[in-house]
Amino acid sequence: MMNWRFANEGDTFLILCFIRRLAEYEKMGGEVVATEEMLREWIFEKKKAEVVFALEEGKEVGFALFFHNFSTFLGRAGIYLEDLFVLPEYRGHGYGRSLMSILARIAVERGCGRLEWWCLDWNTPSIEFYRSLGAVPMDEWTVYRIAGETLQELSEAF
C-alpha cells in the first residue's frame, strides 16, 4: 500500500498545478480558469470537494479530486471522481490503482453506494486502466451540460 494523505488549505497551489497538468494531458490547457483563491474557497471554505494525494517518499506524485453526489434510486450518496492524475514519470507503479482503492475505501467507510467518473473517449490508456479495475462504461447515458452564458440565461428564464 502506498502512502497518501488528504489535502489541506496549504496545498491549494499544488492542487492547481495538478489540475493544470491534467488539463495539458487532456489537450484542454486553455480551459483552466480556476485560481488558487477559487480552489481555496470551494474546496476548503465551502467544503464542496476533497483531494487526496499519492506520495512517494513524501513527494506528491498523484492526486484525486472528488465530491459526493446522490443516487435517488439507491437512496444514498456516492462519490464522483472529478480528476485523477499521476505525474507521467510515476505512471505504471500502482499510484493510480492505489488512489482508486483509497476512493473506494472512503466510499465504503462513508456508506456510499457507488464510485463513478467520466473519461474522454480518446483516452485509451485510462479506459484500459479503469476496465482493469472492473469498471464498466455507462454506454446508455449521454452527458449534458449547461454552462457560462447559457447557464446565466436559463437562470433568468422564469
Protein backbone atom coordinates (compact mmCIF):
# COMPACT_ATOMS: atom_id res chain seq x y z
CA MET A 1 0.00 0.00 0.00
CA MET A 2 1.38 3.37 -0.94
CA ASN A 3 1.37 6.42 1.30
CA TRP A 4 -1.30 9.03 0.83
CA ARG A 5 -2.88 11.99 2.54
CA PHE A 6 -5.83 14.34 2.36
CA ALA A 7 -5.02 17.82 1.05
CA ASN A 8 -5.13 20.81 3.37
CA GLU A 9 -5.56 24.50 2.67
CA GLY A 10 -1.81 24.96 2.31
CA ASP A 11 -1.91 22.64 -0.73
CA THR A 12 -4.04 24.97 -2.86
CA PHE A 13 -1.18 25.89 -5.22
CA LEU A 14 -0.19 22.22 -5.58
CA ILE A 15 -3.78 21.23 -6.39
CA LEU A 16 -3.89 23.90 -9.10
CA CYS A 17 -0.60 22.60 -10.52
CA PHE A 18 -2.04 19.08 -10.77
CA ILE A 19 -5.21 20.43 -12.40
CA ARG A 20 -3.13 22.29 -14.99
CA ARG A 21 -1.01 19.19 -15.71
CA LEU A 22 -4.17 17.13 -16.16
CA ALA A 23 -5.66 19.76 -18.48
CA GLU A 24 -2.49 19.72 -20.59
CA TYR A 25 -2.68 15.92 -20.81
CA GLU A 26 -6.34 16.14 -21.87
CA LYS A 27 -5.46 18.79 -24.50
CA MET A 28 -7.57 21.37 -22.65
CA GLY A 29 -4.88 23.52 -21.04
CA GLY A 30 -6.52 26.72 -22.21
CA GLU A 31 -9.77 25.88 -20.44
CA VAL A 32 -8.44 26.11 -16.87
CA VAL A 33 -9.77 29.30 -15.32
CA ALA A 34 -9.52 28.10 -11.71
CA THR A 35 -7.30 30.13 -9.39
CA GLU A 36 -5.79 29.36 -6.01
CA GLU A 37 -8.35 31.66 -4.42
CA MET A 38 -11.25 29.87 -6.10
CA LEU A 39 -9.94 26.46 -5.07
CA ARG A 40 -9.35 27.62 -1.50
CA GLU A 41 -12.91 28.93 -1.30
CA TRP A 42 -14.70 25.96 -2.86
CA ILE A 43 -12.60 23.08 -1.52
CA PHE A 44 -11.58 24.29 1.93
CA GLU A 45 -14.04 27.02 2.95
CA LYS A 46 -17.27 25.78 1.34
CA LYS A 47 -16.11 22.14 1.54
CA LYS A 48 -17.63 21.22 -1.83
CA ALA A 49 -14.82 18.85 -2.84
CA GLU A 50 -11.95 16.89 -1.33
CA VAL A 51 -8.49 15.98 -2.58
CA VAL A 52 -6.18 13.08 -1.79
CA PHE A 53 -2.54 12.87 -2.81
CA ALA A 54 -0.45 9.80 -3.60
CA LEU A 55 3.01 10.14 -2.05
CA GLU A 56 6.42 8.75 -2.87
CA GLU A 57 8.98 9.46 -0.17
CA GLY A 58 6.85 12.40 0.98
CA LYS A 59 6.50 13.89 -2.51
CA GLU A 60 3.04 14.29 -4.07
CA VAL A 61 3.09 12.27 -7.29
CA GLY A 62 -0.63 11.94 -8.00
CA PHE A 63 -3.95 13.36 -6.93
CA ALA A 64 -7.65 12.67 -6.98
CA LEU A 65 -10.30 15.37 -6.56
CA PHE A 66 -13.76 14.10 -5.63
CA PHE A 67 -17.09 15.10 -4.13
CA HIS A 68 -20.34 13.48 -3.06
CA ASN A 69 -23.29 13.10 -5.36
CA PHE A 70 -26.60 11.38 -4.61
CA SER A 71 -28.46 8.46 -6.16
CA THR A 72 -32.21 8.65 -5.75
CA PHE A 73 -32.51 5.02 -6.87
CA LEU A 74 -30.02 3.82 -4.23
CA GLY A 75 -31.28 6.32 -1.68
CA ARG A 76 -27.77 7.27 -0.62
CA ALA A 77 -24.72 9.26 -1.57
CA GLY A 78 -21.96 8.21 -3.92
CA ILE A 79 -18.55 9.57 -4.72
CA TYR A 80 -17.93 11.32 -8.02
CA LEU A 81 -14.29 11.41 -9.09
CA GLU A 82 -13.74 14.67 -10.96
CA ASP A 83 -10.00 14.36 -11.58
CA LEU A 84 -7.37 11.65 -11.27
CA PHE A 85 -3.83 12.38 -12.38
CA VAL A 86 -0.45 10.77 -11.77
CA LEU A 87 2.71 12.53 -12.90
CA PRO A 88 3.96 10.83 -16.10
CA GLU A 89 7.25 9.71 -14.59
CA TYR A 90 5.38 7.83 -11.82
CA ARG A 91 2.82 6.05 -14.01
CA GLY A 92 2.87 2.28 -14.12
CA HIS A 93 3.93 1.97 -10.48
CA GLY A 94 0.50 1.47 -8.93
CA TYR A 95 -0.26 5.04 -7.84
CA GLY A 96 -3.43 5.34 -9.91
CA ARG A 97 -4.67 1.96 -8.68
CA SER A 98 -3.88 2.97 -5.10
CA LEU A 99 -5.74 6.27 -5.45
CA MET A 100 -8.78 4.42 -6.80
CA SER A 101 -8.53 1.94 -3.92
CA ILE A 102 -8.41 4.81 -1.43
CA LEU A 103 -11.50 6.38 -3.01
CA ALA A 104 -13.29 3.03 -2.88
CA ARG A 105 -12.35 2.68 0.80
CA ILE A 106 -13.62 6.20 1.54
CA ALA A 107 -16.86 5.39 -0.28
CA VAL A 108 -17.35 2.16 1.69
CA GLU A 109 -16.45 3.79 5.02
CA ARG A 110 -18.94 6.59 4.36
CA GLY A 111 -21.69 4.19 3.33
CA CYS A 112 -21.76 5.35 -0.28
CA GLY A 113 -23.45 3.26 -2.93
CA ARG A 114 -21.02 3.82 -5.78
CA LEU A 115 -17.93 5.49 -7.19
CA GLU A 116 -18.23 6.99 -10.65
CA TRP A 117 -16.46 9.31 -13.10
CA TRP A 118 -16.23 10.33 -16.74
CA CYS A 119 -13.41 9.52 -19.13
CA LEU A 120 -12.69 11.07 -22.51
CA ASP A 121 -13.44 8.67 -25.39
CA TRP A 122 -9.97 9.06 -26.92
CA ASN A 123 -8.13 8.34 -23.66
CA THR A 124 -7.40 4.67 -24.34
CA PRO A 125 -4.73 4.26 -21.61
CA SER A 126 -7.15 5.49 -18.95
CA ILE A 127 -10.04 3.44 -20.32
CA GLU A 128 -7.90 0.30 -20.20
CA PHE A 129 -6.78 1.18 -16.67
CA TYR A 130 -10.37 1.70 -15.45
CA ARG A 131 -11.53 -1.54 -17.09
CA SER A 132 -8.66 -3.38 -15.36
CA LEU A 133 -10.20 -2.25 -12.06
CA GLY A 134 -13.55 -3.78 -13.02
CA ALA A 135 -15.21 -0.50 -14.05
CA VAL A 136 -17.90 -0.69 -16.71
CA PRO A 137 -18.87 2.12 -19.09
CA MET A 138 -22.37 3.54 -18.93
CA ASP A 139 -22.97 3.33 -22.68
CA GLU A 140 -26.69 4.06 -22.44
CA TRP A 141 -26.13 7.54 -21.00
CA THR A 142 -25.20 10.83 -22.63
CA VAL A 143 -23.64 13.62 -20.58
CA TYR A 144 -25.34 17.02 -20.92
CA ARG A 145 -24.03 20.35 -19.73
CA ILE A 146 -25.23 23.91 -19.40
CA ALA A 147 -22.53 26.45 -18.54
CA GLY A 148 -21.40 30.02 -18.97
CA GLU A 149 -23.77 32.43 -20.68
CA THR A 150 -26.34 29.71 -21.33
CA LEU A 151 -26.45 28.89 -17.62
CA GLN A 152 -26.94 32.56 -16.80
CA GLU A 153 -29.73 32.90 -19.38
CA LEU A 154 -31.53 29.82 -18.09
CA SER A 155 -31.30 31.07 -14.51
CA GLU A 156 -33.18 34.18 -15.56
CA ALA A 157 -35.80 32.43 -17.73
CA PHE A 158 -38.58 32.03 -15.15
